[in-house]
């Protein structure tokens, strides 16, 4: 029997997107089943872009290496389960994915956490690891960890309807984040994702800050030590289950990455600069009423929250009172929140 307040940590390999998708899904299912927190330490097999849950993508741009750990040079596009901004991943970026039964698990006293407090608690082991390497890492809020004011790591999270929370962290061990514009040119030449190209232009890396490049096993052991202290839990590195990725997994991963796609013709669109980057709202008009509302871009939210926003706004007239009441209904649902954008109602009303 695993004690309460336990975390089991696996070490991945150089993974392709279908492998990452399948293993993350399995980790979430196990966490939901036995209520034991889990984490994975892994890296992408090739340089590429990882989209947040809500970024648009051209399905034709989804190019993946053939098989896991091929070392192929083709840049790939993948999508994570949580929102937030687009980040480069690959062999030079250490990824740490955490699944916990509830967000409150991340607080050492297991106190209830507001959505804006979650990342503050979740990244504490990462900050401890970086500072243990002599790096003066700092979390100024939002979604980035910095060193000397320069982005060094990125974090995002989401919460599922059953309460399981996923935290995804990306640490630039080597200088990789500054490659964002070049990767966008290769993977998103039409600018469909609507990302701030210069958001990570000043980024640094663990090695540039005087830290050490380490094996994934070393990262996992150090994370286990720091997680045990910061989360007040029994954190242990365990053997990788070596779950095989099937053709069905690859198909599911491709379908997941491809949605949302292009906005399509006949849709109105409005965009705003948000706390994390750029957020777009698009919809169709049927007379003066909303149809097929979609919120995309750089924001952190449960995907069921944005689905509920679309459902509640469907058929509503483009009037401030109607849209605000629809949003209130959507946000009243359990575990519903939107971070990174204030005044969502005003953005929607700009479509009229």
Protein backbone atom coordinates (compact mmCIF):
# COMPACT_ATOMS: atom_id res chain seq x y z
CA UNK A 1 0.00 0.00 0.00
CA UNK A 2 1.24 3.49 -0.88
CA UNK A 3 1.08 6.03 1.93
CA UNK A 4 -1.02 9.16 1.65
CA UNK A 5 1.04 12.07 0.40
CA UNK A 6 3.07 9.87 -1.97
CA UNK A 7 4.57 10.70 -5.35
CA UNK A 8 6.00 8.18 -7.79
CA UNK A 9 8.41 9.53 -10.40
CA UNK A 10 9.30 7.88 -13.70
CA UNK A 11 12.20 8.64 -16.01
CA UNK A 12 11.21 8.81 -19.65
CA UNK A 13 13.41 8.60 -22.70
CA UNK A 14 13.81 10.82 -25.74
CA UNK A 15 10.13 10.78 -26.65
CA UNK A 16 8.17 11.50 -29.79
CA UNK A 17 4.73 13.17 -29.43
CA UNK A 18 2.65 9.96 -29.55
CA UNK A 19 4.76 8.45 -26.76
CA UNK A 20 4.43 11.56 -24.61
CA UNK A 21 0.68 11.71 -25.21
CA UNK A 22 0.16 8.03 -24.34
CA UNK A 23 2.32 8.10 -21.22
CA UNK A 24 0.75 11.31 -19.92
CA UNK A 25 -2.72 9.87 -20.46
CA UNK A 26 -1.74 6.71 -18.59
CA UNK A 27 -0.24 8.74 -15.74
CA UNK A 28 -3.45 10.76 -15.36
CA UNK A 29 -5.62 7.63 -15.39
CA UNK A 30 -3.50 5.97 -12.72
CA UNK A 31 -3.59 9.10 -10.57
CA UNK A 32 -7.38 9.26 -10.86
CA UNK A 33 -7.65 5.56 -10.02
CA UNK A 34 -5.43 5.29 -6.93
CA UNK A 35 -5.12 8.99 -5.90
CA UNK A 36 -1.32 8.70 -5.84
CA UNK A 37 0.58 11.66 -7.29
CA UNK A 38 2.90 10.90 -10.17
CA UNK A 39 5.57 12.69 -12.17
CA UNK A 40 7.56 12.03 -15.33
CA UNK A 41 10.94 13.45 -16.38
CA UNK A 42 11.43 13.34 -20.14
CA UNK A 43 12.74 15.20 -23.21
CA UNK A 44 11.60 15.51 -26.81
CA UNK A 45 13.44 13.30 -29.28
CA UNK A 46 13.87 16.18 -31.73
CA UNK A 47 13.64 19.98 -31.58
CA UNK A 48 10.13 21.24 -32.03
CA UNK A 49 7.28 23.36 -30.74
CA UNK A 50 4.93 22.31 -27.99
CA UNK A 51 1.60 24.08 -28.26
CA UNK A 52 -0.58 24.89 -25.29
CA UNK A 53 -4.00 23.24 -25.16
CA UNK A 54 -5.75 26.19 -26.83
CA UNK A 55 -3.45 27.24 -29.69
CA UNK A 56 -4.64 26.94 -33.26
CA UNK A 57 -2.57 24.81 -35.60
CA UNK A 58 -2.56 23.93 -39.28
CA UNK A 59 -2.97 20.11 -39.29
CA UNK A 60 -0.66 19.98 -42.31
CA UNK A 61 2.18 21.31 -40.13
CA UNK A 62 2.09 18.33 -37.75
CA UNK A 63 5.26 16.49 -38.75
CA UNK A 64 6.66 13.89 -36.36
CA UNK A 65 9.83 11.81 -36.43
CA UNK A 66 9.26 8.18 -37.33
CA UNK A 67 9.30 6.40 -33.99
CA UNK A 68 10.56 7.39 -30.59
CA UNK A 69 14.12 8.56 -29.98
CA UNK A 70 15.02 8.67 -33.68
CA UNK A 71 17.14 11.77 -33.34
CA UNK A 72 15.66 13.04 -36.60
CA UNK A 73 16.33 16.69 -37.37
CA UNK A 74 12.83 17.52 -38.58
CA UNK A 75 11.11 19.95 -36.20
CA UNK A 76 7.85 18.59 -34.87
CA UNK A 77 4.68 20.15 -33.49
CA UNK A 78 3.00 18.62 -30.45
CA UNK A 79 0.36 19.73 -27.95
CA UNK A 80 0.28 19.40 -24.17
CA UNK A 81 -2.79 18.96 -21.98
CA UNK A 82 -2.41 22.28 -20.16
CA UNK A 83 -2.72 25.78 -21.58
CA UNK A 84 -0.18 28.57 -21.56
CA UNK A 85 2.25 29.76 -24.17
CA UNK A 86 4.08 27.89 -26.93
CA UNK A 87 7.54 26.67 -25.93
CA UNK A 88 10.39 24.97 -27.75
CA UNK A 89 11.17 21.45 -26.56
CA UNK A 90 13.74 18.88 -27.58
CA UNK A 91 16.91 17.24 -26.24
CA UNK A 92 18.03 20.51 -24.62
CA UNK A 93 14.81 21.03 -22.63
CA UNK A 94 14.04 18.98 -19.51
CA UNK A 95 10.29 18.41 -19.16
CA UNK A 96 8.70 17.53 -15.83
CA UNK A 97 5.03 16.54 -15.90
CA UNK A 98 3.14 16.12 -12.62
CA UNK A 99 -0.29 14.61 -11.99
CA UNK A 100 -1.90 15.10 -8.56
CA UNK A 101 -5.34 14.00 -7.30
CA UNK A 102 -6.33 17.59 -6.44
CA UNK A 103 -4.54 20.94 -6.67
CA UNK A 104 -4.60 21.11 -2.86
CA UNK A 105 -2.14 18.20 -2.83
CA UNK A 106 0.57 20.67 -3.98
CA UNK A 107 0.33 22.67 -0.76
CA UNK A 108 2.46 21.12 2.01
CA UNK A 109 -0.39 21.66 4.50
CA UNK A 110 -2.95 20.44 1.93
CA UNK A 111 -4.84 23.71 2.24
CA UNK A 112 -7.32 24.72 -0.49
CA UNK A 113 -5.59 26.55 -3.33
CA UNK A 114 -7.04 29.21 -5.57
CA UNK A 115 -6.17 28.79 -9.27
CA UNK A 116 -3.67 31.67 -9.16
CA UNK A 117 -1.81 29.92 -6.31
CA UNK A 118 -1.28 26.58 -8.02
CA UNK A 119 1.89 27.29 -9.97
CA UNK A 120 3.39 29.08 -6.98
CA UNK A 121 3.25 25.79 -5.07
CA UNK A 122 3.94 23.46 -7.98
CA UNK A 123 7.26 24.98 -9.01
CA UNK A 124 8.84 25.04 -5.54
CA UNK A 125 10.79 21.80 -6.08
CA UNK A 126 12.07 23.18 -9.40
CA UNK A 127 13.20 26.42 -7.76
CA UNK A 128 14.99 24.39 -5.08
CA UNK A 129 16.78 22.30 -7.71
CA UNK A 130 17.92 25.34 -9.66
CA UNK A 131 19.07 27.18 -6.55
CA UNK A 132 20.93 24.04 -5.50
CA UNK A 133 22.85 24.42 -8.76
CA UNK A 134 23.88 27.93 -7.74
CA UNK A 135 21.29 29.61 -10.00
CA UNK A 136 19.37 32.50 -8.47
CA UNK A 137 16.03 31.34 -9.87
CA UNK A 138 12.95 33.46 -9.18
CA UNK A 139 9.24 33.03 -9.83
CA UNK A 140 7.76 36.49 -10.51
CA UNK A 141 4.29 35.05 -11.03
CA UNK A 142 2.33 34.03 -14.11
CA UNK A 143 4.08 31.21 -15.99
CA UNK A 144 7.83 31.82 -16.17
CA UNK A 145 10.80 31.16 -13.88
CA UNK A 146 13.62 33.63 -14.43
CA UNK A 147 17.30 34.09 -13.62
CA UNK A 148 18.61 37.67 -13.62
CA UNK A 149 15.30 38.67 -15.17
CA UNK A 150 15.68 36.27 -18.13
CA UNK A 151 13.27 33.36 -18.76
CA UNK A 152 14.76 30.03 -17.74
CA UNK A 153 11.76 27.74 -17.31
CA UNK A 154 8.06 27.68 -18.18
CA UNK A 155 5.14 26.15 -16.30
CA UNK A 156 1.45 25.62 -16.94
CA UNK A 157 -1.36 23.54 -15.50
CA UNK A 158 -4.90 22.41 -15.95
CA UNK A 159 -7.58 20.70 -13.88
CA UNK A 160 -9.81 17.91 -15.17
CA UNK A 161 -13.48 17.56 -14.31
CA UNK A 162 -12.69 14.84 -11.74
CA UNK A 163 -10.25 17.16 -9.96
CA UNK A 164 -6.99 15.60 -11.16
CA UNK A 165 -4.54 18.40 -11.90
CA UNK A 166 -1.71 18.33 -14.44
CA UNK A 167 1.34 20.58 -14.08
CA UNK A 168 3.79 20.76 -16.97
CA UNK A 169 7.22 22.34 -16.57
CA UNK A 170 9.88 22.96 -19.20
CA UNK A 171 13.44 23.80 -18.15
CA UNK A 172 15.95 25.12 -20.69
CA UNK A 173 19.03 23.11 -19.78
CA UNK A 174 20.73 24.22 -23.00
CA UNK A 175 20.03 27.46 -24.94
CA UNK A 176 16.78 26.39 -26.61
CA UNK A 177 14.02 28.87 -25.74
CA UNK A 178 15.50 31.62 -27.91
CA UNK A 179 14.95 29.35 -30.93
CA UNK A 180 11.21 30.08 -30.77
CA UNK A 181 11.08 32.48 -33.79
CA UNK A 182 13.08 30.10 -36.01
CA UNK A 183 10.88 27.15 -35.03
CA UNK A 184 7.74 29.21 -35.69
CA UNK A 185 9.07 30.01 -39.17
CA UNK A 186 9.45 26.28 -39.83
CA UNK A 187 6.35 24.95 -38.07
CA UNK A 188 3.84 27.80 -38.31
CA UNK A 189 4.84 29.96 -41.28
CA UNK A 190 1.28 31.30 -41.70
CA UNK A 191 1.15 32.51 -38.09
CA UNK A 192 -2.01 30.54 -37.30
CA UNK A 193 -1.09 30.11 -33.64
CA UNK A 194 -0.91 33.88 -33.06
CA UNK A 195 2.04 33.73 -30.68
CA UNK A 196 4.30 36.54 -29.46
CA UNK A 197 7.44 35.65 -31.40
CA UNK A 198 9.78 37.61 -29.14
CA UNK A 199 8.38 36.40 -25.82
CA UNK A 200 11.46 34.25 -25.12
CA UNK A 201 14.05 36.27 -27.04
CA UNK A 202 16.00 37.09 -23.87
CA UNK A 203 15.81 33.55 -22.49
CA UNK A 204 18.78 31.91 -20.82
CA UNK A 205 19.56 28.29 -19.82
CA UNK A 206 20.84 26.23 -16.92
CA UNK A 207 24.23 25.86 -18.58
CA UNK A 208 24.48 29.58 -19.42
CA UNK A 209 23.74 30.36 -15.77
CA UNK A 210 26.62 28.18 -14.60
CA UNK A 211 24.58 25.09 -13.80
CA UNK A 212 25.32 21.57 -14.96
CA UNK A 213 23.84 19.47 -17.73
CA UNK A 214 22.60 16.28 -16.11
CA UNK A 215 21.13 12.97 -17.13
CA UNK A 216 17.40 12.46 -16.89
CA UNK A 217 17.99 10.02 -14.03
CA UNK A 218 19.87 12.73 -12.11
CA UNK A 219 17.09 15.23 -12.73
CA UNK A 220 14.54 12.70 -11.48
CA UNK A 221 16.49 11.91 -8.31
CA UNK A 222 17.00 15.58 -7.53
CA UNK A 223 13.33 16.29 -8.20
CA UNK A 224 12.33 13.46 -5.87
CA UNK A 225 14.47 14.91 -3.08
CA UNK A 226 13.13 18.46 -3.51
CA UNK A 227 9.52 17.30 -4.00
CA UNK A 228 9.67 15.30 -0.76
CA UNK A 229 10.70 18.44 1.11
CA UNK A 230 8.47 21.01 -0.60
CA UNK A 231 5.34 18.85 -0.91
CA UNK A 232 5.84 17.01 2.40
CA UNK A 233 5.42 13.67 0.69
CA UNK A 234 7.09 10.33 0.16
CA UNK A 235 8.66 10.93 -3.28
CA UNK A 236 10.49 8.07 -4.99
CA UNK A 237 11.86 7.33 -8.44
CA UNK A 238 10.38 4.10 -9.77
CA UNK A 239 11.03 1.96 -12.84
CA UNK A 240 9.48 3.13 -16.07
CA UNK A 241 6.51 0.97 -17.00
CA UNK A 242 7.77 0.86 -20.61
CA UNK A 243 4.25 1.14 -21.92
CA UNK A 244 4.23 0.51 -25.65
CA UNK A 245 2.69 3.11 -27.93
CA UNK A 246 0.15 1.63 -30.31
CA UNK A 247 -1.18 2.82 -33.62
CA UNK A 248 -4.35 3.87 -31.80
CA UNK A 249 -2.27 6.02 -29.43
CA UNK A 250 -0.56 7.69 -32.39
CA UNK A 251 -3.91 8.40 -34.03
CA UNK A 252 -5.33 9.85 -30.82
CA UNK A 253 -2.23 12.01 -30.34
CA UNK A 254 -2.52 13.36 -33.89
CA UNK A 255 -6.22 14.13 -33.46
CA UNK A 256 -5.54 15.85 -30.13
CA UNK A 257 -2.76 17.98 -31.64
CA UNK A 258 -4.83 18.99 -34.67
CA UNK A 259 -7.68 20.58 -32.66
CA UNK A 260 -8.28 23.50 -32.65
CA UNK A 261 -7.27 24.05 -36.25
CA UNK A 262 -7.73 27.03 -38.55
CA UNK A 263 -10.56 29.38 -37.67
CA UNK A 264 -12.22 28.82 -41.06
CA UNK A 265 -14.09 31.17 -43.36
CA UNK A 266 -17.10 33.18 -42.31
CA UNK A 267 -15.94 33.70 -38.73
CA UNK A 268 -15.41 36.99 -36.97
CA UNK A 269 -12.30 37.31 -34.88
CA UNK A 270 -10.94 39.60 -32.18
CA UNK A 271 -7.60 39.33 -30.38
CA UNK A 272 -6.11 40.91 -27.29
CA UNK A 273 -2.71 40.98 -25.65
CA UNK A 274 -3.01 38.96 -22.45
CA UNK A 275 -0.82 38.41 -19.40
CA UNK A 276 0.71 35.35 -21.09
CA UNK A 277 0.71 36.45 -24.73
CA UNK A 278 -2.17 36.69 -27.19
CA UNK A 279 -5.76 35.45 -26.84
CA UNK A 280 -8.18 35.22 -29.77
CA UNK A 281 -11.95 35.01 -29.70
CA UNK A 282 -13.81 33.90 -32.84
CA UNK A 283 -17.43 33.08 -33.65
CA UNK A 284 -20.10 33.17 -36.31
CA UNK A 285 -23.02 35.57 -36.27
CA UNK A 286 -26.56 34.41 -36.86
CA UNK A 287 -28.45 37.68 -36.92
CA UNK A 288 -27.34 39.25 -33.66
CA UNK A 289 -26.66 35.94 -31.91
CA UNK A 290 -23.50 33.98 -31.11
CA UNK A 291 -22.71 30.75 -32.90
CA UNK A 292 -19.70 28.40 -32.45
CA UNK A 293 -17.73 30.60 -30.08
CA UNK A 294 -14.06 29.60 -29.66
CA UNK A 295 -11.44 31.02 -27.28
CA UNK A 296 -7.87 30.21 -28.32
CA UNK A 297 -4.30 31.25 -27.61
CA UNK A 298 -2.15 31.94 -24.56
CA UNK A 299 -4.35 31.29 -21.54
CA UNK A 300 -4.49 28.79 -18.71
CA UNK A 301 -7.84 27.14 -18.04
CA UNK A 302 -9.46 23.71 -17.84
CA UNK A 303 -10.58 22.81 -21.33
CA UNK A 304 -14.03 21.97 -19.92
CA UNK A 305 -14.30 25.61 -18.79
CA UNK A 306 -13.85 26.93 -22.33
CA UNK A 307 -16.24 24.29 -23.62
CA UNK A 308 -18.79 25.50 -21.05
CA UNK A 309 -18.20 29.13 -22.10
CA UNK A 310 -18.94 28.20 -25.71
CA UNK A 311 -22.04 26.20 -24.72
CA UNK A 312 -23.48 28.92 -22.48
CA UNK A 313 -22.88 31.66 -25.07
CA UNK A 314 -24.41 29.65 -27.91
CA UNK A 315 -27.46 31.49 -29.27
CA UNK A 316 -27.09 34.43 -26.89
CA UNK A 317 -27.53 37.95 -28.30
CA UNK A 318 -24.43 40.10 -28.60
CA UNK A 319 -25.42 42.30 -25.68
CA UNK A 320 -23.27 42.96 -22.60
CA UNK A 321 -25.85 41.73 -20.10
CA UNK A 322 -26.49 38.48 -22.01
CA UNK A 323 -22.82 37.65 -22.55
CA UNK A 324 -21.92 38.40 -18.93
CA UNK A 325 -24.73 36.21 -17.61
CA UNK A 326 -23.60 33.39 -19.92
CA UNK A 327 -20.03 33.68 -18.67
CA UNK A 328 -21.22 33.72 -15.07
CA UNK A 329 -23.11 30.46 -15.67
CA UNK A 330 -20.03 28.85 -17.25
CA UNK A 331 -17.70 30.00 -14.49
CA UNK A 332 -20.09 28.79 -11.76
CA UNK A 333 -19.27 25.19 -12.62
CA UNK A 334 -16.93 23.21 -10.34
CA UNK A 335 -13.20 23.70 -10.97
CA UNK A 336 -13.81 26.39 -13.56
CA UNK A 337 -11.40 29.30 -14.04
CA UNK A 338 -9.55 31.28 -16.70
CA UNK A 339 -6.10 32.72 -16.02
CA UNK A 340 -4.15 35.06 -18.26
CA UNK A 341 -7.03 37.18 -19.54
CA UNK A 342 -9.09 39.80 -17.82
CA UNK A 343 -12.42 40.98 -19.24
CA UNK A 344 -13.25 37.98 -21.41
CA UNK A 345 -16.72 39.46 -21.84
CA UNK A 346 -15.28 42.58 -23.50
CA UNK A 347 -13.22 40.48 -25.91
CA UNK A 348 -16.29 38.51 -26.96
CA UNK A 349 -18.37 41.67 -27.35
CA UNK A 350 -15.77 43.11 -29.72
CA UNK A 351 -17.01 40.58 -32.31
CA UNK A 352 -20.33 42.37 -32.67
